[in-house]
């Protein structure tokens, strides 16, 4: 709620563990 920039990771408080995306040609 105190973040000023939506594109900066520093403006986010909580994160998930991530999911892998792999794209092959």
PDBML (XML) file of the C-alpha atoms, coordinates in Angstrom:
<?xml version="1.0" encoding="UTF-8" ?>
<PDBx:datablock datablockName="MODEL"
   xmlns:PDBx="http://pdbml.pdb.org/schema/pdbx-v50.xsd"
   xmlns:xsi="http://www.w3.org/2001/XMLSchema-instance"
   xsi:schemaLocation="http://pdbml.pdb.org/schema/pdbx-v50.xsd pdbx-v50.xsd">
   <PDBx:atom_siteCategory>
      <PDBx:atom_site id="1">
         <PDBx:B_iso_or_equiv>0.00</PDBx:B_iso_or_equiv>
         <PDBx:Cartn_x>0.000</PDBx:Cartn_x>
         <PDBx:Cartn_y>0.000</PDBx:Cartn_y>
         <PDBx:Cartn_z>0.000</PDBx:Cartn_z>
         <PDBx:auth_asym_id>A</PDBx:auth_asym_id>
         <PDBx:auth_atom_id>CA</PDBx:auth_atom_id>
         <PDBx:auth_comp_id>UNK</PDBx:auth_comp_id>
         <PDBx:auth_seq_id>1</PDBx:auth_seq_id>
         <PDBx:group_PDB>ATOM</PDBx:group_PDB>
         <PDBx:label_alt_id xsi:nil="true" />
         <PDBx:label_asym_id>A</PDBx:label_asym_id>
         <PDBx:label_atom_id>CA</PDBx:label_atom_id>
         <PDBx:label_comp_id>UNK</PDBx:label_comp_id>
         <PDBx:label_entity_id>1</PDBx:label_entity_id>
         <PDBx:label_seq_id>1</PDBx:label_seq_id>
         <PDBx:occupancy>1.00</PDBx:occupancy>
         <PDBx:pdbx_PDB_model_num>1</PDBx:pdbx_PDB_model_num>
         <PDBx:type_symbol>C</PDBx:type_symbol>
      </PDBx:atom_site>
      <PDBx:atom_site id="2">
         <PDBx:B_iso_or_equiv>0.00</PDBx:B_iso_or_equiv>
         <PDBx:Cartn_x>2.993</PDBx:Cartn_x>
         <PDBx:Cartn_y>2.321</PDBx:Cartn_y>
         <PDBx:Cartn_z>0.344</PDBx:Cartn_z>
         <PDBx:auth_asym_id>A</PDBx:auth_asym_id>
         <PDBx:auth_atom_id>CA</PDBx:auth_atom_id>
         <PDBx:auth_comp_id>UNK</PDBx:auth_comp_id>
         <PDBx:auth_seq_id>2</PDBx:auth_seq_id>
         <PDBx:group_PDB>ATOM</PDBx:group_PDB>
         <PDBx:label_alt_id xsi:nil="true" />
         <PDBx:label_asym_id>A</PDBx:label_asym_id>
         <PDBx:label_atom_id>CA</PDBx:label_atom_id>
         <PDBx:label_comp_id>UNK</PDBx:label_comp_id>
         <PDBx:label_entity_id>1</PDBx:label_entity_id>
         <PDBx:label_seq_id>2</PDBx:label_seq_id>
         <PDBx:occupancy>1.00</PDBx:occupancy>
         <PDBx:pdbx_PDB_model_num>1</PDBx:pdbx_PDB_model_num>
         <PDBx:type_symbol>C</PDBx:type_symbol>
      </PDBx:atom_site>
      <PDBx:atom_site id="3">
         <PDBx:B_iso_or_equiv>0.00</PDBx:B_iso_or_equiv>
         <PDBx:Cartn_x>4.561</PDBx:Cartn_x>
         <PDBx:Cartn_y>1.479</PDBx:Cartn_y>
         <PDBx:Cartn_z>-3.006</PDBx:Cartn_z>
         <PDBx:auth_asym_id>A</PDBx:auth_asym_id>
         <PDBx:auth_atom_id>CA</PDBx:auth_atom_id>
         <PDBx:auth_comp_id>UNK</PDBx:auth_comp_id>
         <PDBx:auth_seq_id>3</PDBx:auth_seq_id>
         <PDBx:group_PDB>ATOM</PDBx:group_PDB>
         <PDBx:label_alt_id xsi:nil="true" />
         <PDBx:label_asym_id>A</PDBx:label_asym_id>
         <PDBx:label_atom_id>CA</PDBx:label_atom_id>
         <PDBx:label_comp_id>UNK</PDBx:label_comp_id>
         <PDBx:label_entity_id>1</PDBx:label_entity_id>
         <PDBx:label_seq_id>3</PDBx:label_seq_id>
         <PDBx:occupancy>1.00</PDBx:occupancy>
         <PDBx:pdbx_PDB_model_num>1</PDBx:pdbx_PDB_model_num>
         <PDBx:type_symbol>C</PDBx:type_symbol>
      </PDBx:atom_site>
      <PDBx:atom_site id="4">
         <PDBx:B_iso_or_equiv>0.00</PDBx:B_iso_or_equiv>
         <PDBx:Cartn_x>4.692</PDBx:Cartn_x>
         <PDBx:Cartn_y>4.182</PDBx:Cartn_y>
         <PDBx:Cartn_z>-5.656</PDBx:Cartn_z>
         <PDBx:auth_asym_id>A</PDBx:auth_asym_id>
         <PDBx:auth_atom_id>CA</PDBx:auth_atom_id>
         <PDBx:auth_comp_id>UNK</PDBx:auth_comp_id>
         <PDBx:auth_seq_id>4</PDBx:auth_seq_id>
         <PDBx:group_PDB>ATOM</PDBx:group_PDB>
         <PDBx:label_alt_id xsi:nil="true" />
         <PDBx:label_asym_id>A</PDBx:label_asym_id>
         <PDBx:label_atom_id>CA</PDBx:label_atom_id>
         <PDBx:label_comp_id>UNK</PDBx:label_comp_id>
         <PDBx:label_entity_id>1</PDBx:label_entity_id>
         <PDBx:label_seq_id>4</PDBx:label_seq_id>
         <PDBx:occupancy>1.00</PDBx:occupancy>
         <PDBx:pdbx_PDB_model_num>1</PDBx:pdbx_PDB_model_num>
         <PDBx:type_symbol>C</PDBx:type_symbol>
      </PDBx:atom_site>
      <PDBx:atom_site id="5">
         <PDBx:B_iso_or_equiv>0.00</PDBx:B_iso_or_equiv>
         <PDBx:Cartn_x>5.714</PDBx:Cartn_x>
         <PDBx:Cartn_y>2.262</PDBx:Cartn_y>
         <PDBx:Cartn_z>-8.793</PDBx:Cartn_z>
         <PDBx:auth_asym_id>A</PDBx:auth_asym_id>
         <PDBx:auth_atom_id>CA</PDBx:auth_atom_id>
         <PDBx:auth_comp_id>UNK</PDBx:auth_comp_id>
         <PDBx:auth_seq_id>5</PDBx:auth_seq_id>
         <PDBx:group_PDB>ATOM</PDBx:group_PDB>
         <PDBx:label_alt_id xsi:nil="true" />
         <PDBx:label_asym_id>A</PDBx:label_asym_id>
         <PDBx:label_atom_id>CA</PDBx:label_atom_id>
         <PDBx:label_comp_id>UNK</PDBx:label_comp_id>
         <PDBx:label_entity_id>1</PDBx:label_entity_id>
         <PDBx:label_seq_id>5</PDBx:label_seq_id>
         <PDBx:occupancy>1.00</PDBx:occupancy>
         <PDBx:pdbx_PDB_model_num>1</PDBx:pdbx_PDB_model_num>
         <PDBx:type_symbol>C</PDBx:type_symbol>
      </PDBx:atom_site>
      <PDBx:atom_site id="6">
         <PDBx:B_iso_or_equiv>0.00</PDBx:B_iso_or_equiv>
         <PDBx:Cartn_x>3.838</PDBx:Cartn_x>
         <PDBx:Cartn_y>-0.781</PDBx:Cartn_y>
         <PDBx:Cartn_z>-10.018</PDBx:Cartn_z>
         <PDBx:auth_asym_id>A</PDBx:auth_asym_id>
         <PDBx:auth_atom_id>CA</PDBx:auth_atom_id>
         <PDBx:auth_comp_id>UNK</PDBx:auth_comp_id>
         <PDBx:auth_seq_id>6</PDBx:auth_seq_id>
         <PDBx:group_PDB>ATOM</PDBx:group_PDB>
         <PDBx:label_alt_id xsi:nil="true" />
         <PDBx:label_asym_id>A</PDBx:label_asym_id>
         <PDBx:label_atom_id>CA</PDBx:label_atom_id>
         <PDBx:label_comp_id>UNK</PDBx:label_comp_id>
         <PDBx:label_entity_id>1</PDBx:label_entity_id>
         <PDBx:label_seq_id>6</PDBx:label_seq_id>
         <PDBx:occupancy>1.00</PDBx:occupancy>
         <PDBx:pdbx_PDB_model_num>1</PDBx:pdbx_PDB_model_num>
         <PDBx:type_symbol>C</PDBx:type_symbol>
      </PDBx:atom_site>
      <PDBx:atom_site id="7">
         <PDBx:B_iso_or_equiv>0.00</PDBx:B_iso_or_equiv>
         <PDBx:Cartn_x>6.712</PDBx:Cartn_x>
         <PDBx:Cartn_y>-1.886</PDBx:Cartn_y>
         <PDBx:Cartn_z>-12.262</PDBx:Cartn_z>
         <PDBx:auth_asym_id>A</PDBx:auth_asym_id>
         <PDBx:auth_atom_id>CA</PDBx:auth_atom_id>
         <PDBx:auth_comp_id>UNK</PDBx:auth_comp_id>
         <PDBx:auth_seq_id>7</PDBx:auth_seq_id>
         <PDBx:group_PDB>ATOM</PDBx:group_PDB>
         <PDBx:label_alt_id xsi:nil="true" />
         <PDBx:label_asym_id>A</PDBx:label_asym_id>
         <PDBx:label_atom_id>CA</PDBx:label_atom_id>
         <PDBx:label_comp_id>UNK</PDBx:label_comp_id>
         <PDBx:label_entity_id>1</PDBx:label_entity_id>
         <PDBx:label_seq_id>7</PDBx:label_seq_id>
         <PDBx:occupancy>1.00</PDBx:occupancy>
         <PDBx:pdbx_PDB_model_num>1</PDBx:pdbx_PDB_model_num>
         <PDBx:type_symbol>C</PDBx:type_symbol>
      </PDBx:atom_site>
      <PDBx:atom_site id="8">
         <PDBx:B_iso_or_equiv>0.00</PDBx:B_iso_or_equiv>
         <PDBx:Cartn_x>9.308</PDBx:Cartn_x>
         <PDBx:Cartn_y>-2.064</PDBx:Cartn_y>
         <PDBx:Cartn_z>-9.491</PDBx:Cartn_z>
         <PDBx:auth_asym_id>A</PDBx:auth_asym_id>
         <PDBx:auth_atom_id>CA</PDBx:auth_atom_id>
         <PDBx:auth_comp_id>UNK</PDBx:auth_comp_id>
         <PDBx:auth_seq_id>8</PDBx:auth_seq_id>
         <PDBx:group_PDB>ATOM</PDBx:group_PDB>
         <PDBx:label_alt_id xsi:nil="true" />
         <PDBx:label_asym_id>A</PDBx:label_asym_id>
         <PDBx:label_atom_id>CA</PDBx:label_atom_id>
         <PDBx:label_comp_id>UNK</PDBx:label_comp_id>
         <PDBx:label_entity_id>1</PDBx:label_entity_id>
         <PDBx:label_seq_id>8</PDBx:label_seq_id>
         <PDBx:occupancy>1.00</PDBx:occupancy>
         <PDBx:pdbx_PDB_model_num>1</PDBx:pdbx_PDB_model_num>
         <PDBx:type_symbol>C</PDBx:type_symbol>
      </PDBx:atom_site>
      <PDBx:atom_site id="9">
         <PDBx:B_iso_or_equiv>0.00</PDBx:B_iso_or_equiv>
         <PDBx:Cartn_x>9.691</PDBx:Cartn_x>
         <PDBx:Cartn_y>-5.212</PDBx:Cartn_y>
         <PDBx:Cartn_z>-7.435</PDBx:Cartn_z>
         <PDBx:auth_asym_id>A</PDBx:auth_asym_id>
         <PDBx:auth_atom_id>CA</PDBx:auth_atom_id>
         <PDBx:auth_comp_id>UNK</PDBx:auth_comp_id>
         <PDBx:auth_seq_id>9</PDBx:auth_seq_id>
         <PDBx:group_PDB>ATOM</PDBx:group_PDB>
         <PDBx:label_alt_id xsi:nil="true" />
         <PDBx:label_asym_id>A</PDBx:label_asym_id>
         <PDBx:label_atom_id>CA</PDBx:label_atom_id>
         <PDBx:label_comp_id>UNK</PDBx:label_comp_id>
         <PDBx:label_entity_id>1</PDBx:label_entity_id>
         <PDBx:label_seq_id>9</PDBx:label_seq_id>
         <PDBx:occupancy>1.00</PDBx:occupancy>
         <PDBx:pdbx_PDB_model_num>1</PDBx:pdbx_PDB_model_num>
         <PDBx:type_symbol>C</PDBx:type_symbol>
      </PDBx:atom_site>
      <PDBx:atom_site id="10">
         <PDBx:B_iso_or_equiv>0.00</PDBx:B_iso_or_equiv>
         <PDBx:Cartn_x>10.433</PDBx:Cartn_x>
         <PDBx:Cartn_y>-3.067</PDBx:Cartn_y>
         <PDBx:Cartn_z>-4.396</PDBx:Cartn_z>
         <PDBx:auth_asym_id>A</PDBx:auth_asym_id>
         <PDBx:auth_atom_id>CA</PDBx:auth_atom_id>
         <PDBx:auth_comp_id>UNK</PDBx:auth_comp_id>
         <PDBx:auth_seq_id>10</PDBx:auth_seq_id>
         <PDBx:group_PDB>ATOM</PDBx:group_PDB>
         <PDBx:label_alt_id xsi:nil="true" />
         <PDBx:label_asym_id>A</PDBx:label_asym_id>
         <PDBx:label_atom_id>CA</PDBx:label_atom_id>
         <PDBx:label_comp_id>UNK</PDBx:label_comp_id>
         <PDBx:label_entity_id>1</PDBx:label_entity_id>
         <PDBx:label_seq_id>10</PDBx:label_seq_id>
         <PDBx:occupancy>1.00</PDBx:occupancy>
         <PDBx:pdbx_PDB_model_num>1</PDBx:pdbx_PDB_model_num>
         <PDBx:type_symbol>C</PDBx:type_symbol>
      </PDBx:atom_site>
      <PDBx:atom_site id="11">
         <PDBx:B_iso_or_equiv>0.00</PDBx:B_iso_or_equiv>
         <PDBx:Cartn_x>6.786</PDBx:Cartn_x>
         <PDBx:Cartn_y>-1.952</PDBx:Cartn_y>
         <PDBx:Cartn_z>-4.441</PDBx:Cartn_z>
         <PDBx:auth_asym_id>A</PDBx:auth_asym_id>
         <PDBx:auth_atom_id>CA</PDBx:auth_atom_id>
         <PDBx:auth_comp_id>UNK</PDBx:auth_comp_id>
         <PDBx:auth_seq_id>11</PDBx:auth_seq_id>
         <PDBx:group_PDB>ATOM</PDBx:group_PDB>
         <PDBx:label_alt_id xsi:nil="true" />
         <PDBx:label_asym_id>A</PDBx:label_asym_id>
         <PDBx:label_atom_id>CA</PDBx:label_atom_id>
         <PDBx:label_comp_id>UNK</PDBx:label_comp_id>
         <PDBx:label_entity_id>1</PDBx:label_entity_id>
         <PDBx:label_seq_id>11</PDBx:label_seq_id>
         <PDBx:occupancy>1.00</PDBx:occupancy>
         <PDBx:pdbx_PDB_model_num>1</PDBx:pdbx_PDB_model_num>
         <PDBx:type_symbol>C</PDBx:type_symbol>
      </PDBx:atom_site>
      <PDBx:atom_site id="12">
         <PDBx:B_iso_or_equiv>0.00</PDBx:B_iso_or_equiv>
         <PDBx:Cartn_x>5.530</PDBx:Cartn_x>
         <PDBx:Cartn_y>-5.456</PDBx:Cartn_y>
         <PDBx:Cartn_z>-3.613</PDBx:Cartn_z>
         <PDBx:auth_asym_id>A</PDBx:auth_asym_id>
         <PDBx:auth_atom_id>CA</PDBx:auth_atom_id>
         <PDBx:auth_comp_id>UNK</PDBx:auth_comp_id>
         <PDBx:auth_seq_id>12</PDBx:auth_seq_id>
         <PDBx:group_PDB>ATOM</PDBx:group_PDB>
         <PDBx:label_alt_id xsi:nil="true" />
         <PDBx:label_asym_id>A</PDBx:label_asym_id>
         <PDBx:label_atom_id>CA</PDBx:label_atom_id>
         <PDBx:label_comp_id>UNK</PDBx:label_comp_id>
         <PDBx:label_entity_id>1</PDBx:label_entity_id>
         <PDBx:label_seq_id>12</PDBx:label_seq_id>
         <PDBx:occupancy>1.00</PDBx:occupancy>
         <PDBx:pdbx_PDB_model_num>1</PDBx:pdbx_PDB_model_num>
         <PDBx:type_symbol>C</PDBx:type_symbol>
      </PDBx:atom_site>
      <PDBx:atom_site id="13">
         <PDBx:B_iso_or_equiv>0.00</PDBx:B_iso_or_equiv>
         <PDBx:Cartn_x>5.394</PDBx:Cartn_x>
         <PDBx:Cartn_y>-7.034</PDBx:Cartn_y>
         <PDBx:Cartn_z>-0.170</PDBx:Cartn_z>
         <PDBx:auth_asym_id>A</PDBx:auth_asym_id>
         <PDBx:auth_atom_id>CA</PDBx:auth_atom_id>
         <PDBx:auth_comp_id>UNK</PDBx:auth_comp_id>
         <PDBx:auth_seq_id>13</PDBx:auth_seq_id>
         <PDBx:group_PDB>ATOM</PDBx:group_PDB>
         <PDBx:label_alt_id xsi:nil="true" />
         <PDBx:label_asym_id>A</PDBx:label_asym_id>
         <PDBx:label_atom_id>CA</PDBx:label_atom_id>
         <PDBx:label_comp_id>UNK</PDBx:label_comp_id>
         <PDBx:label_entity_id>1</PDBx:label_entity_id>
         <PDBx:label_seq_id>13</PDBx:label_seq_id>
         <PDBx:occupancy>1.00</PDBx:occupancy>
         <PDBx:pdbx_PDB_model_num>1</PDBx:pdbx_PDB_model_num>
         <PDBx:type_symbol>C</PDBx:type_symbol>
      </PDBx:atom_site>
      <PDBx:atom_site id="14">
         <PDBx:B_iso_or_equiv>0.00</PDBx:B_iso_or_equiv>
         <PDBx:Cartn_x>4.564</PDBx:Cartn_x>
         <PDBx:Cartn_y>-10.709</PDBx:Cartn_y>
         <PDBx:Cartn_z>-0.727</PDBx:Cartn_z>
         <PDBx:auth_asym_id>A</PDBx:auth_asym_id>
         <PDBx:auth_atom_id>CA</PDBx:auth_atom_id>
         <PDBx:auth_comp_id>UNK</PDBx:auth_comp_id>
         <PDBx:auth_seq_id>14</PDBx:auth_seq_id>
         <PDBx:group_PDB>ATOM</PDBx:group_PDB>
         <PDBx:label_alt_id xsi:nil="true" />
         <PDBx:label_asym_id>A</PDBx:label_asym_id>
         <PDBx:label_atom_id>CA</PDBx:label_atom_id>
         <PDBx:label_comp_id>UNK</PDBx:label_comp_id>
         <PDBx:label_entity_id>1</PDBx:label_entity_id>
         <PDBx:label_seq_id>14</PDBx:label_seq_id>
         <PDBx:occupancy>1.00</PDBx:occupancy>
         <PDBx:pdbx_PDB_model_num>1</PDBx:pdbx_PDB_model_num>
         <PDBx:type_symbol>C</PDBx:type_symbol>
      </PDBx:atom_site>
      <PDBx:atom_site id="15">
         <PDBx:B_iso_or_equiv>0.00</PDBx:B_iso_or_equiv>
         <PDBx:Cartn_x>5.783</PDBx:Cartn_x>
         <PDBx:Cartn_y>-13.179</PDBx:Cartn_y>
         <PDBx:Cartn_z>-3.347</PDBx:Cartn_z>
         <PDBx:auth_asym_id>A</PDBx:auth_asym_id>
         <PDBx:auth_atom_id>CA</PDBx:auth_atom_id>
         <PDBx:auth_comp_id>UNK</PDBx:auth_comp_id>
         <PDBx:auth_seq_id>15</PDBx:auth_seq_id>
         <PDBx:group_PDB>ATOM</PDBx:group_PDB>
         <PDBx:label_alt_id xsi:nil="true" />
         <PDBx:label_asym_id>A</PDBx:label_asym_id>
         <PDBx:label_atom_id>CA</PDBx:label_atom_id>
         <PDBx:label_comp_id>UNK</PDBx:label_comp_id>
         <PDBx:label_entity_id>1</PDBx:label_entity_id>
         <PDBx:label_seq_id>15</PDBx:label_seq_id>
         <PDBx:occupancy>1.00</PDBx:occupancy>
         <PDBx:pdbx_PDB_model_num>1</PDBx:pdbx_PDB_model_num>
         <PDBx:type_symbol>C</PDBx:type_symbol>
      </PDBx:atom_site>
      <PDBx:atom_site id="16">
         <PDBx:B_iso_or_equiv>0.00</PDBx:B_iso_or_equiv>
         <PDBx:Cartn_x>4.928</PDBx:Cartn_x>
         <PDBx:Cartn_y>-16.679</PDBx:Cartn_y>
         <PDBx:Cartn_z>-4.448</PDBx:Cartn_z>
         <PDBx:auth_asym_id>A</PDBx:auth_asym_id>
         <PDBx:auth_atom_id>CA</PDBx:auth_atom_id>
         <PDBx:auth_comp_id>UNK</PDBx:auth_comp_id>
         <PDBx:auth_seq_id>16</PDBx:auth_seq_id>
         <PDBx:group_PDB>ATOM</PDBx:group_PDB>
         <PDBx:label_alt_id xsi:nil="true" />
         <PDBx:label_asym_id>A</PDBx:label_asym_id>
         <PDBx:label_atom_id>CA</PDBx:label_atom_id>
         <PDBx:label_comp_id>UNK</PDBx:label_comp_id>
         <PDBx:label_entity_id>1</PDBx:label_entity_id>
         <PDBx:label_seq_id>16</PDBx:label_seq_id>
         <PDBx:occupancy>1.00</PDBx:occupancy>
         <PDBx:pdbx_PDB_model_num>1</PDBx:pdbx_PDB_model_num>
         <PDBx:type_symbol>C</PDBx:type_symbol>
      </PDBx:atom_site>
      <PDBx:atom_site id="17">
         <PDBx:B_iso_or_equiv>0.00</PDBx:B_iso_or_equiv>
         <PDBx:Cartn_x>7.471</PDBx:Cartn_x>
         <PDBx:Cartn_y>-19.426</PDBx:Cartn_y>
         <PDBx:Cartn_z>-5.078</PDBx:Cartn_z>
         <PDBx:auth_asym_id>A</PDBx:auth_asym_id>
         <PDBx:auth_atom_id>CA</PDBx:auth_atom_id>
         <PDBx:auth_comp_id>UNK</PDBx:auth_comp_id>
         <PDBx:auth_seq_id>17</PDBx:auth_seq_id>
         <PDBx:group_PDB>ATOM</PDBx:group_PDB>
         <PDBx:label_alt_id xsi:nil="true" />
         <PDBx:label_asym_id>A</PDBx:label_asym_id>
         <PDBx:label_atom_id>CA</PDBx:label_atom_id>
         <PDBx:label_comp_id>UNK</PDBx:label_comp_id>
         <PDBx:label_entity_id>1</PDBx:label_entity_id>
         <PDBx:label_seq_id>17</PDBx:label_seq_id>
         <PDBx:occupancy>1.00</PDBx:occupancy>
         <PDBx:pdbx_PDB_model_num>1</PDBx:pdbx_PDB_model_num>
         <PDBx:type_symbol>C</PDBx:type_symbol>
      </PDBx:atom_site>
      <PDBx:atom_site id="18">
         <PDBx:B_iso_or_equiv>0.00</PDBx:B_iso_or_equiv>
         <PDBx:Cartn_x>7.193</PDBx:Cartn_x>
         <PDBx:Cartn_y>-19.161</PDBx:Cartn_y>
         <PDBx:Cartn_z>-8.846</PDBx:Cartn_z>
         <PDBx:auth_asym_id>A</PDBx:auth_asym_id>
         <PDBx:auth_atom_id>CA</PDBx:auth_atom_id>
         <PDBx:auth_comp_id>UNK</PDBx:auth_comp_id>
         <PDBx:auth_seq_id>18</PDBx:auth_seq_id>
         <PDBx:group_PDB>ATOM</PDBx:group_PDB>
         <PDBx:label_alt_id xsi:nil="true" />
         <PDBx:label_asym_id>A</PDBx:label_asym_id>
         <PDBx:label_atom_id>CA</PDBx:label_atom_id>
         <PDBx:label_comp_id>UNK</PDBx:label_comp_id>
         <PDBx:label_entity_id>1</PDBx:label_entity_id>
         <PDBx:label_seq_id>18</PDBx:label_seq_id>
         <PDBx:occupancy>1.00</PDBx:occupancy>
         <PDBx:pdbx_PDB_model_num>1</PDBx:pdbx_PDB_model_num>
         <PDBx:type_symbol>C</PDBx:type_symbol>
      </PDBx:atom_site>
      <PDBx:atom_site id="19">
         <PDBx:B_iso_or_equiv>0.00</PDBx:B_iso_or_equiv>
         <PDBx:Cartn_x>6.200</PDBx:Cartn_x>
         <PDBx:Cartn_y>-21.432</PDBx:Cartn_y>
         <PDBx:Cartn_z>-11.712</PDBx:Cartn_z>
         <PDBx:auth_asym_id>A</PDBx:auth_asym_id>
         <PDBx:auth_atom_id>CA</PDBx:auth_atom_id>
         <PDBx:auth_comp_id>UNK</PDBx:auth_comp_id>
         <PDBx:auth_seq_id>19</PDBx:auth_seq_id>
         <PDBx:group_PDB>ATOM</PDBx:group_PDB>
         <PDBx:label_alt_id xsi:nil="true" />
         <PDBx:label_asym_id>A</PDBx:label_asym_id>
         <PDBx:label_atom_id>CA</PDBx:label_atom_id>
         <PDBx:label_comp_id>UNK</PDBx:label_comp_id>
         <PDBx:label_entity_id>1</PDBx:label_entity_id>
         <PDBx:label_seq_id>19</PDBx:label_seq_id>
         <PDBx:occupancy>1.00</PDBx:occupancy>
         <PDBx:pdbx_PDB_model_num>1</PDBx:pdbx_PDB_model_num>
         <PDBx:type_symbol>C</PDBx:type_symbol>
      </PDBx:atom_site>
      <PDBx:atom_site id="20">
         <PDBx:B_iso_or_equiv>0.00</PDBx:B_iso_or_equiv>
         <PDBx:Cartn_x>8.505</PDBx:Cartn_x>
         <PDBx:Cartn_y>-22.424</PDBx:Cartn_y>
         <PDBx:Cartn_z>-14.567</PDBx:Cartn_z>
         <PDBx:auth_asym_id>A</PDBx:auth_asym_id>
         <PDBx:auth_atom_id>CA</PDBx:auth_atom_id>
         <PDBx:auth_comp_id>UNK</PDBx:auth_comp_id>
         <PDBx:auth_seq_id>20</PDBx:auth_seq_id>
         <PDBx:group_PDB>ATOM</PDBx:group_PDB>
         <PDBx:label_alt_id xsi:nil="true" />
         <PDBx:label_asym_id>A</PDBx:label_asym_id>
         <PDBx:label_atom_id>CA</PDBx:label_atom_id>
         <PDBx:label_comp_id>UNK</PDBx:label_comp_id>
         <PDBx:label_entity_id>1</PDBx:label_entity_id>
         <PDBx:label_seq_id>20</PDBx:label_seq_id>
         <PDBx:occupancy>1.00</PDBx:occupancy>
         <PDBx:pdbx_PDB_model_num>1</PDBx:pdbx_PDB_model_num>
         <PDBx:type_symbol>C</PDBx:type_symbol>
      </PDBx:atom_site>
      <PDBx:atom_site id="21">
         <PDBx:B_iso_or_equiv>0.00</PDBx:B_iso_or_equiv>
         <PDBx:Cartn_x>7.635</PDBx:Cartn_x>
         <PDBx:Cartn_y>-21.542</PDBx:Cartn_y>
         <PDBx:Cartn_z>-18.153</PDBx:Cartn_z>
         <PDBx:auth_asym_id>A</PDBx:auth_asym_id>
         <PDBx:auth_atom_id>CA</PDBx:auth_atom_id>
         <PDBx:auth_comp_id>UNK</PDBx:auth_comp_id>
         <PDBx:auth_seq_id>21</PDBx:auth_seq_id>
         <PDBx:group_PDB>ATOM</PDBx:group_PDB>
         <PDBx:label_alt_id xsi:nil="true" />
         <PDBx:label_asym_id>A</PDBx:label_asym_id>
         <PDBx:label_atom_id>CA</PDBx:label_atom_id>
         <PDBx:label_comp_id>UNK</PDBx:label_comp_id>
         <PDBx:label_entity_id>1</PDBx:label_entity_id>
         <PDBx:label_seq_id>21</PDBx:label_seq_id>
         <PDBx:occupancy>1.00</PDBx:occupancy>
         <PDBx:pdbx_PDB_model_num>1</PDBx:pdbx_PDB_model_num>
         <PDBx:type_symbol>C</PDBx:type_symbol>
      </PDBx:atom_site>
      <PDBx:atom_site id="22">
         <PDBx:B_iso_or_equiv>0.00</PDBx:B_iso_or_equiv>
         <PDBx:Cartn_x>9.822</PDBx:Cartn_x>
         <PDBx:Cartn_y>-23.030</PDBx:Cartn_y>
         <PDBx:Cartn_z>-20.877</PDBx:Cartn_z>
         <PDBx:auth_asym_id>A</PDBx:auth_asym_id>
         <PDBx:auth_atom_id>CA</PDBx:auth_atom_id>
         <PDBx:auth_comp_id>UNK</PDBx:auth_comp_id>
         <PDBx:auth_seq_id>22</PDBx:auth_seq_id>
         <PDBx:group_PDB>ATOM</PDBx:group_PDB>
         <PDBx:label_alt_id xsi:nil="true" />
         <PDBx:label_asym_id>A</PDBx:label_asym_id>
         <PDBx:label_atom_id>CA</PDBx:label_atom_id>
         <PDBx:label_comp_id>UNK</PDBx:label_comp_id>
         <PDBx:label_entity_id>1</PDBx:label_entity_id>
         <PDBx:label_seq_id>22</PDBx:label_seq_id>
         <PDBx:occupancy>1.00</PDBx:occupancy>
         <PDBx:pdbx_PDB_model_num>1</PDBx:pdbx_PDB_model_num>
         <PDBx:type_symbol>C</PDBx:type_symbol>
      </PDBx:atom_site>
      <PDBx:atom_site id="23">
         <PDBx:B_iso_or_equiv>0.00</PDBx:B_iso_or_equiv>
         <PDBx:Cartn_x>9.296</PDBx:Cartn_x>
         <PDBx:Cartn_y>-22.152</PDBx:Cartn_y>
         <PDBx:Cartn_z>-24.543</PDBx:Cartn_z>
         <PDBx:auth_asym_id>A</PDBx:auth_asym_id>
         <PDBx:auth_atom_id>CA</PDBx:auth_atom_id>
         <PDBx:auth_comp_id>UNK</PDBx:auth_comp_id>
         <PDBx:auth_seq_id>23</PDBx:auth_seq_id>
         <PDBx:group_PDB>ATOM</PDBx:group_PDB>
         <PDBx:label_alt_id xsi:nil="true" />
         <PDBx:label_asym_id>A</PDBx:label_asym_id>
         <PDBx:label_atom_id>CA</PDBx:label_atom_id>
         <PDBx:label_comp_id>UNK</PDBx:label_comp_id>
         <PDBx:label_entity_id>1</PDBx:label_entity_id>
         <PDBx:label_seq_id>23</PDBx:label_seq_id>
         <PDBx:occupancy>1.00</PDBx:occupancy>
         <PDBx:pdbx_PDB_model_num>1</PDBx:pdbx_PDB_model_num>
         <PDBx:type_symbol>C</PDBx:type_symbol>
      </PDBx:atom_site>
      <PDBx:atom_site id="24">
         <PDBx:B_iso_or_equiv>0.00</PDBx:B_iso_or_equiv>
         <PDBx:Cartn_x>11.118</PDBx:Cartn_x>
         <PDBx:Cartn_y>-24.153</PDBx:Cartn_y>
         <PDBx:Cartn_z>-27.213</PDBx:Cartn_z>
         <PDBx:auth_asym_id>A</PDBx:auth_asym_id>
         <PDBx:auth_atom_id>CA</PDBx:auth_atom_id>
         <PDBx:auth_comp_id>UNK</PDBx:auth_comp_id>
         <PDBx:auth_seq_id>24</PDBx:auth_seq_id>
         <PDBx:group_PDB>ATOM</PDBx:group_PDB>
         <PDBx:label_alt_id xsi:nil="true" />
         <PDBx:label_asym_id>A</PDBx:label_asym_id>
         <PDBx:label_atom_id>CA</PDBx:label_atom_id>
         <PDBx:label_comp_id>UNK</PDBx:label_comp_id>
         <PDBx:label_entity_id>1</PDBx:label_entity_id>
         <PDBx:label_seq_id>24</PDBx:label_seq_id>
         <PDBx:occupancy>1.00</PDBx:occupancy>
         <PDBx:pdbx_PDB_model_num>1</PDBx:pdbx_PDB_model_num>
         <PDBx:type_symbol>C</PDBx:type_symbol>
      </PDBx:atom_site>
      <PDBx:atom_site id="25">
         <PDBx:B_iso_or_equiv>0.00</PDBx:B_iso_or_equiv>
         <PDBx:Cartn_x>11.589</PDBx:Cartn_x>
         <PDBx:Cartn_y>-23.250</PDBx:Cartn_y>
         <PDBx:Cartn_z>-30.866</PDBx:Cartn_z>
         <PDBx:auth_asym_id>A</PDBx:auth_asym_id>
         <PDBx:auth_atom_id>CA</PDBx:auth_atom_id>
         <PDBx:auth_comp_id>UNK</PDBx:auth_comp_id>
         <PDBx:auth_seq_id>25</PDBx:auth_seq_id>
         <PDBx:group_PDB>ATOM</PDBx:group_PDB>
         <PDBx:label_alt_id xsi:nil="true" />
         <PDBx:label_asym_id>A</PDBx:label_asym_id>
         <PDBx:label_atom_id>CA</PDBx:label_atom_id>
         <PDBx:label_comp_id>UNK</PDBx:label_comp_id>
         <PDBx:label_entity_id>1</PDBx:label_entity_id>
         <PDBx:label_seq_id>25</PDBx:label_seq_id>
         <PDBx:occupancy>1.00</PDBx:occupancy>
         <PDBx:pdbx_PDB_model_num>1</PDBx:pdbx_PDB_model_num>
         <PDBx:type_symbol>C</PDBx:type_symbol>
      </PDBx:atom_site>
   </PDBx:atom_siteCategory>
</PDBx:datablock>
